[in-house]
C-alpha atoms as a PDB file:
ATOM      1  CA  MET A   1      64.730  89.055  84.704  1.00  0.00           C
ATOM      2  CA  THR A   2      63.638  85.963  86.704  1.00  0.00           C
ATOM      3  CA  THR A   3      64.129  82.209  86.263  1.00  0.00           C
ATOM      4  CA  SER A   4      62.299  79.314  87.685  1.00  0.00           C
ATOM      5  CA  MET A   5      65.296  77.296  88.600  1.00  0.00           C
ATOM      6  CA  THR A   6      68.479  77.664  90.674  1.00  0.00           C
ATOM      7  CA  ALA A   7      71.757  77.221  88.712  1.00  0.00           C
ATOM      8  CA  SER A   8      72.208  73.799  90.320  1.00  0.00           C
ATOM      9  CA  GLU A   9      68.664  72.731  89.300  1.00  0.00           C
ATOM     10  CA  ALA A  10      69.189  73.852  85.784  1.00  0.00           C
ATOM     11  CA  MET A  11      72.509  72.009  85.492  1.00  0.00           C
ATOM     12  CA  LEU A  12      71.077  68.753  86.943  1.00  0.00           C
ATOM     13  CA  SER A  13      67.890  68.730  85.008  1.00  0.00           C
ATOM     14  CA  ARG A  14      69.350  69.728  81.626  1.00  0.00           C
ATOM     15  CA  HIS A  15      69.553  66.790  79.233  1.00  0.00           C
ATOM     16  CA  SER A  16      70.057  66.597  75.493  1.00  0.00           C
ATOM     17  CA  VAL A  17      66.579  66.354  73.916  1.00  0.00           C
ATOM     18  CA  ARG A  18      66.322  65.116  70.410  1.00  0.00           C
ATOM     19  CA  LYS A  19      62.508  64.983  70.033  1.00  0.00           C
ATOM     20  CA  TYR A  20      60.658  68.211  70.139  1.00  0.00           C
ATOM     21  CA  VAL A  21      56.932  69.229  69.882  1.00  0.00           C
ATOM     22  CA  PRO A  22      56.596  70.623  66.370  1.00  0.00           C
ATOM     23  CA  ASN A  23      55.277  74.077  65.660  1.00  0.00           C
ATOM     24  CA  THR A  24      55.962  75.385  69.167  1.00  0.00           C
ATOM     25  CA  PRO A  25      56.960  79.147  68.838  1.00  0.00           C
ATOM     26  CA  ILE A  26      59.178  81.002  71.223  1.00  0.00           C
ATOM     27  CA  ALA A  27      58.548  84.668  71.807  1.00  0.00           C
ATOM     28  CA  ALA A  28      61.314  86.905  70.461  1.00  0.00           C
ATOM     29  CA  THR A  29      61.663  88.598  73.793  1.00  0.00           C
ATOM     30  CA  GLU A  30      62.207  85.191  75.561  1.00  0.00           C
ATOM     31  CA  LEU A  31      64.749  84.000  72.890  1.00  0.00           C
ATOM     32  CA  ASN A  32      66.580  87.185  73.088  1.00  0.00           C
ATOM     33  CA  GLU A  33      66.802  86.871  76.935  1.00  0.00           C
ATOM     34  CA  ILE A  34      68.325  83.471  76.429  1.00  0.00           C
ATOM     35  CA  LEU A  35      70.782  84.756  73.795  1.00  0.00           C
ATOM     36  CA  GLU A  36      71.873  87.690  76.125  1.00  0.00           C
ATOM     37  CA  LEU A  37      72.419  85.354  79.044  1.00  0.00           C
ATOM     38  CA  GLY A  38      74.517  83.114  76.744  1.00  0.00           C
ATOM     39  CA  ALA A  39      76.465  86.091  75.675  1.00  0.00           C
ATOM     40  CA  SER A  40      77.255  87.036  79.239  1.00  0.00           C
ATOM     41  CA  ALA A  41      79.761  84.123  79.402  1.00  0.00           C
ATOM     42  CA  PRO A  42      83.482  84.781  80.084  1.00  0.00           C
ATOM     43  CA  SER A  43      85.846  84.984  77.247  1.00  0.00           C
ATOM     44  CA  SER A  44      89.616  85.419  76.840  1.00  0.00           C
ATOM     45  CA  TRP A  45      90.457  89.111  77.087  1.00  0.00           C
ATOM     46  CA  ASN A  46      86.687  89.718  77.016  1.00  0.00           C
ATOM     47  CA  LEU A  47      86.832  89.484  73.162  1.00  0.00           C
ATOM     48  CA  GLN A  48      83.492  87.767  73.022  1.00  0.00           C
ATOM     49  CA  HIS A  49      84.287  85.423  70.271  1.00  0.00           C
ATOM     50  CA  TRP A  50      80.776  84.002  69.739  1.00  0.00           C
ATOM     51  CA  ARG A  51      78.298  84.917  67.132  1.00  0.00           C
ATOM     52  CA  PHE A  52      74.745  83.418  67.126  1.00  0.00           C
ATOM     53  CA  LEU A  53      73.013  82.571  63.838  1.00  0.00           C
ATOM     54  CA  VAL A  54      69.359  81.797  64.560  1.00  0.00           C
ATOM     55  CA  PHE A  55      67.081  79.639  62.339  1.00  0.00           C
ATOM     56  CA  GLN A  56      63.305  79.732  62.965  1.00  0.00           C
ATOM     57  CA  GLN A  57      61.677  79.809  59.550  1.00  0.00           C
ATOM     58  CA  GLU A  58      60.641  76.521  58.037  1.00  0.00           C
ATOM     59  CA  GLU A  59      62.349  77.300  54.929  1.00  0.00           C
ATOM     60  CA  THR A  60      65.807  77.784  56.335  1.00  0.00           C
ATOM     61  CA  LYS A  61      65.464  74.775  58.712  1.00  0.00           C
ATOM     62  CA  GLN A  62      64.615  72.643  55.742  1.00  0.00           C
ATOM     63  CA  LYS A  63      67.839  73.734  54.103  1.00  0.00           C
ATOM     64  CA  LEU A  64      69.609  72.859  57.326  1.00  0.00           C
ATOM     65  CA  LEU A  65      68.126  69.381  57.534  1.00  0.00           C
ATOM     66  CA  PRO A  66      70.368  67.639  54.968  1.00  0.00           C
ATOM     67  CA  ILE A  67      73.412  69.613  56.162  1.00  0.00           C
ATOM     68  CA  SER A  68      72.690  68.076  59.623  1.00  0.00           C
ATOM     69  CA  TYR A  69      72.484  64.589  58.215  1.00  0.00           C
ATOM     70  CA  ASN A  70      68.713  64.680  58.303  1.00  0.00           C
ATOM     71  CA  GLN A  71      68.307  64.917  62.045  1.00  0.00           C
ATOM     72  CA  GLN A  72      64.618  65.694  62.456  1.00  0.00           C
ATOM     73  CA  GLN A  73      65.187  67.721  65.525  1.00  0.00           C
ATOM     74  CA  VAL A  74      66.396  70.731  63.415  1.00  0.00           C
ATOM     75  CA  VAL A  75      62.932  70.918  61.804  1.00  0.00           C
ATOM     76  CA  ASP A  76      60.777  70.196  64.736  1.00  0.00           C
ATOM     77  CA  CYS A  77      62.485  72.432  67.200  1.00  0.00           C
ATOM     78  CA  SER A  78      61.440  76.086  67.916  1.00  0.00           C
ATOM     79  CA  ALA A  79      64.821  77.429  66.851  1.00  0.00           C
ATOM     80  CA  VAL A  80      68.185  76.248  65.856  1.00  0.00           C
ATOM     81  CA  ILE A  81      71.084  78.452  67.101  1.00  0.00           C
ATOM     82  CA  ALA A  82      74.259  78.041  65.270  1.00  0.00           C
ATOM     83  CA  VAL A  83      77.200  79.089  67.463  1.00  0.00           C
ATOM     84  CA  LEU A  84      80.082  80.553  65.347  1.00  0.00           C
ATOM     85  CA  GLY A  85      83.469  81.478  66.693  1.00  0.00           C
ATOM     86  CA  ASP A  86      85.542  84.546  65.640  1.00  0.00           C
ATOM     87  CA  THR A  87      88.990  83.397  64.553  1.00  0.00           C
ATOM     88  CA  GLN A  88      90.024  87.047  64.339  1.00  0.00           C
ATOM     89  CA  ALA A  89      88.649  88.239  67.599  1.00  0.00           C
ATOM     90  CA  ASN A  90      91.661  90.273  68.245  1.00  0.00           C
ATOM     91  CA  LEU A  91      90.488  92.698  65.686  1.00  0.00           C
ATOM     92  CA  MET A  92      87.654  93.646  68.232  1.00  0.00           C
ATOM     93  CA  ALA A  93      90.168  94.574  70.907  1.00  0.00           C
ATOM     94  CA  PRO A  94      90.497  98.300  69.881  1.00  0.00           C
ATOM     95  CA  GLU A  95      86.703  98.727  69.956  1.00  0.00           C
ATOM     96  CA  LEU A  96      86.109  96.861  73.187  1.00  0.00           C
ATOM     97  CA  TYR A  97      88.963  98.420  75.123  1.00  0.00           C
ATOM     98  CA  GLY A  98      88.291 101.803  73.410  1.00  0.00           C
ATOM     99  CA  GLU A  99      84.897 101.696  75.088  1.00  0.00           C
ATOM    100  CA  GLN A 100      86.624 101.065  78.422  1.00  0.00           C
ATOM    101  CA  LEU A 101      89.029 103.880  77.747  1.00  0.00           C
ATOM    102  CA  GLN A 102      86.223 106.389  76.965  1.00  0.00           C
ATOM    103  CA  ALA A 103      84.326 105.263  80.070  1.00  0.00           C
ATOM    104  CA  GLY A 104      87.387 106.031  82.242  1.00  0.00           C
ATOM    105  CA  ASN A 105      87.849 102.416  83.420  1.00  0.00           C
ATOM    106  CA  ILE A 106      91.280 102.177  82.021  1.00  0.00           C
ATOM    107  CA  THR A 107      94.092 104.533  81.054  1.00  0.00           C
ATOM    108  CA  GLN A 108      95.609 104.958  77.599  1.00  0.00           C
ATOM    109  CA  GLN A 109      98.673 103.090  78.640  1.00  0.00           C
ATOM    110  CA  VAL A 110      96.628 100.010  79.882  1.00  0.00           C
ATOM    111  CA  HIS A 111      94.600 100.254  76.635  1.00  0.00           C
ATOM    112  CA  ASP A 112      97.628 100.208  74.489  1.00  0.00           C
ATOM    113  CA  THR A 113      99.319  97.381  76.460  1.00  0.00           C
ATOM    114  CA  LEU A 114      96.334  95.133  76.402  1.00  0.00           C
ATOM    115  CA  VAL A 115      95.596  95.638  72.618  1.00  0.00           C
ATOM    116  CA  GLY A 116      99.329  95.149  71.867  1.00  0.00           C
ATOM    117  CA  ASN A 117      99.408  92.002  73.985  1.00  0.00           C
ATOM    118  CA  ILE A 118      96.391  90.519  72.341  1.00  0.00           C
ATOM    119  CA  ASN A 119      97.636  91.132  68.852  1.00  0.00           C
ATOM    120  CA  ARG A 120     101.065  89.693  69.567  1.00  0.00           C
ATOM    121  CA  ALA A 121      99.417  86.525  70.979  1.00  0.00           C
ATOM    122  CA  TYR A 122      97.408  86.085  67.915  1.00  0.00           C
ATOM    123  CA  GLU A 123     100.289  86.710  65.606  1.00  0.00           C
ATOM    124  CA  SER A 124     102.563  84.269  67.358  1.00  0.00           C
ATOM    125  CA  SER A 125     100.344  81.271  66.638  1.00  0.00           C
ATOM    126  CA  ALA A 126      98.501  80.232  63.495  1.00  0.00           C
ATOM    127  CA  GLN A 127      96.251  77.872  65.593  1.00  0.00           C
ATOM    128  CA  LEU A 128      95.365  80.326  68.423  1.00  0.00           C
ATOM    129  CA  GLY A 129      92.519  82.114  66.636  1.00  0.00           C
ATOM    130  CA  THR A 130      90.792  78.933  65.873  1.00  0.00           C
ATOM    131  CA  GLU A 131      91.395  77.435  69.318  1.00  0.00           C
ATOM    132  CA  GLU A 132      90.127  80.461  71.064  1.00  0.00           C
ATOM    133  CA  ALA A 133      87.122  80.788  68.818  1.00  0.00           C
ATOM    134  CA  ILE A 134      86.050  77.198  69.637  1.00  0.00           C
ATOM    135  CA  ARG A 135      86.969  77.388  73.417  1.00  0.00           C
ATOM    136  CA  ASN A 136      85.134  80.716  74.058  1.00  0.00           C
ATOM    137  CA  GLY A 137      82.273  79.800  71.669  1.00  0.00           C
ATOM    138  CA  SER A 138      81.715  76.662  73.748  1.00  0.00           C
ATOM    139  CA  LEU A 139      81.606  78.569  77.012  1.00  0.00           C
ATOM    140  CA  ALA A 140      78.769  80.715  75.548  1.00  0.00           C
ATOM    141  CA  SER A 141      77.042  77.642  74.197  1.00  0.00           C
ATOM    142  CA  MET A 142      76.954  75.950  77.595  1.00  0.00           C
ATOM    143  CA  GLN A 143      75.701  79.065  79.337  1.00  0.00           C
ATOM    144  CA  LEU A 144      72.995  79.486  76.672  1.00  0.00           C
ATOM    145  CA  MET A 145      71.766  75.935  77.157  1.00  0.00           C
ATOM    146  CA  LEU A 146      71.619  76.379  80.981  1.00  0.00           C
ATOM    147  CA  ALA A 147      69.811  79.790  80.503  1.00  0.00           C
ATOM    148  CA  ALA A 148      67.281  78.064  78.307  1.00  0.00           C
ATOM    149  CA  LYS A 149      66.614  75.215  80.753  1.00  0.00           C
ATOM    150  CA  ALA A 150      66.195  77.683  83.549  1.00  0.00           C
ATOM    151  CA  LYS A 151      63.345  79.263  81.496  1.00  0.00           C
ATOM    152  CA  GLY A 152      61.651  75.961  80.811  1.00  0.00           C
ATOM    153  CA  TRP A 153      63.146  75.144  77.355  1.00  0.00           C
ATOM    154  CA  ASP A 154      65.006  72.077  76.270  1.00  0.00           C
ATOM    155  CA  THR A 155      68.173  72.066  74.043  1.00  0.00           C
ATOM    156  CA  CYS A 156      70.558  69.731  72.334  1.00  0.00           C
ATOM    157  CA  PRO A 157      74.085  70.621  71.300  1.00  0.00           C
ATOM    158  CA  MET A 158      74.945  69.171  67.857  1.00  0.00           C
ATOM    159  CA  GLY A 159      78.431  68.543  66.397  1.00  0.00           C
ATOM    160  CA  GLY A 160      77.073  66.213  63.772  1.00  0.00           C
ATOM    161  CA  PHE A 161      76.660  68.419  60.673  1.00  0.00           C
ATOM    162  CA  ASN A 162      78.677  69.148  57.545  1.00  0.00           C
ATOM    163  CA  LYS A 163      80.661  72.262  58.452  1.00  0.00           C
ATOM    164  CA  GLU A 164      81.774  73.046  54.839  1.00  0.00           C
ATOM    165  CA  GLN A 165      78.241  72.785  53.502  1.00  0.00           C
ATOM    166  CA  PHE A 166      76.910  74.870  56.248  1.00  0.00           C
ATOM    167  CA  VAL A 167      79.474  77.624  55.642  1.00  0.00           C
ATOM    168  CA  THR A 168      78.614  77.623  52.025  1.00  0.00           C
ATOM    169  CA  GLU A 169      74.801  77.466  52.330  1.00  0.00           C
ATOM    170  CA  PHE A 170      74.498  80.202  54.912  1.00  0.00           C
ATOM    171  CA  ASN A 171      77.211  82.549  53.564  1.00  0.00           C
ATOM    172  CA  ILE A 172      79.475  82.411  56.712  1.00  0.00           C
ATOM    173  CA  PRO A 173      82.544  84.519  56.248  1.00  0.00           C
ATOM    174  CA  SER A 174      85.860  82.742  56.554  1.00  0.00           C
ATOM    175  CA  ARG A 175      86.680  84.612  59.671  1.00  0.00           C
ATOM    176  CA  TYR A 176      84.149  82.655  61.579  1.00  0.00           C
ATOM    177  CA  VAL A 177      84.223  78.842  62.435  1.00  0.00           C
ATOM    178  CA  PRO A 178      81.111  76.731  63.212  1.00  0.00           C
ATOM    179  CA  VAL A 179      81.378  75.646  66.802  1.00  0.00           C
ATOM    180  CA  MET A 180      78.083  73.758  67.217  1.00  0.00           C
ATOM    181  CA  LEU A 181      74.368  73.866  66.411  1.00  0.00           C
ATOM    182  CA  ILE A 182      71.923  74.057  69.438  1.00  0.00           C
ATOM    183  CA  THR A 183      68.382  72.950  68.928  1.00  0.00           C
ATOM    184  CA  LEU A 184      65.862  74.551  71.219  1.00  0.00           C
ATOM    185  CA  GLY A 185      62.223  73.731  71.966  1.00  0.00           C
ATOM    186  CA  LYS A 186      59.761  71.835  74.058  1.00  0.00           C
ATOM    187  CA  ALA A 187      60.515  68.128  74.630  1.00  0.00           C
ATOM    188  CA  ALA A 188      58.047  65.788  72.935  1.00  0.00           C
ATOM    189  CA  ALA A 189      59.671  62.787  74.757  1.00  0.00           C
ATOM    190  CA  PRO A 190      62.155  62.533  77.650  1.00  0.00           C
ATOM    191  CA  ALA A 191      65.775  62.626  76.977  1.00  0.00           C
ATOM    192  CA  HIS A 192      67.760  59.287  77.243  1.00  0.00           C
ATOM    193  CA  ALA A 193      68.936  58.630  80.801  1.00  0.00           C
ATOM    194  CA  THR A 194      72.622  59.067  81.242  1.00  0.00           C
ATOM    195  CA  SER A 195      75.214  58.497  84.021  1.00  0.00           C
ATOM    196  CA  ARG A 196      78.309  60.245  85.059  1.00  0.00           C
ATOM    197  CA  LEU A 197      81.602  58.873  86.117  1.00  0.00           C
ATOM    198  CA  PRO A 198      82.337  59.193  89.920  1.00  0.00           C
ATOM    199  CA  LEU A 199      84.497  62.045  91.036  1.00  0.00           C
ATOM    200  CA  GLU A 200      87.306  59.735  91.980  1.00  0.00           C
ATOM    201  CA  ARG A 201      87.619  58.693  88.294  1.00  0.00           C
ATOM    202  CA  THR A 202      87.707  62.366  87.055  1.00  0.00           C
ATOM    203  CA  VAL A 203      89.230  64.452  89.777  1.00  0.00           C
ATOM    204  CA  PHE A 204      92.839  64.365  90.805  1.00  0.00           C
ATOM    205  CA  HIS A 205      94.869  66.430  93.144  1.00  0.00           C
ATOM    206  CA  GLU A 206      98.272  68.055  92.711  1.00  0.00           C
ATOM    207  CA  THR A 207      99.550  65.701  90.009  1.00  0.00           C
ATOM    208  CA  PHE A 208      98.016  63.283  87.508  1.00  0.00           C
ATOM    209  CA  PRO A 209      98.164  59.791  88.813  1.00  0.00           C
ATOM    210  CA  ALA A 210     100.423  57.273  86.860  1.00  0.00           C
ATOM    211  CA  ASN A 211      97.724  54.539  86.700  1.00  0.00           C
ATOM    212  CA  GLN A 212      95.203  56.633  84.802  1.00  0.00           C
END
């Protein structure tokens, strides 16, 4: 699998595009490559909290349009990827670590310890499941957008949509929380220019300064 950009080039050239060339299809193989790269992101305990719900058909994108406050990009883009986070990802631990056990990568004792630690962590905090779902879903989201850019596709992360309506319309189980929508396609117009704060405004060493 090859890409046309280095990691640095993808990071520096990626911008949030909101105007796409309509009716631009993306091949299933290329979309799957982007999704696989997104899914190779790190995650807490390797629980892989993300789930991707992909919208490409005109009918479903039209259903998504009012839920996303009529942002035309969801209709014009080649695909909308809804990133969901698993709030009960600890339930995946026996399967994931069972595979490692069967492969001989870990011992039964290590398996039991890890699964036990994960379950205790989730049971100890009512908020942990949601926090981990959003945190790890966001890691996959960023990696997916960089993978798309490296392959010549533009994206835009969207938090502006009605989560409750989305969950109802698309039959999302209560176990999963919407993290964001990502539109993907070919830019019809350049993204708005942006700037970044200098490092001295965002990077501190050893302790946080009192004047910030």
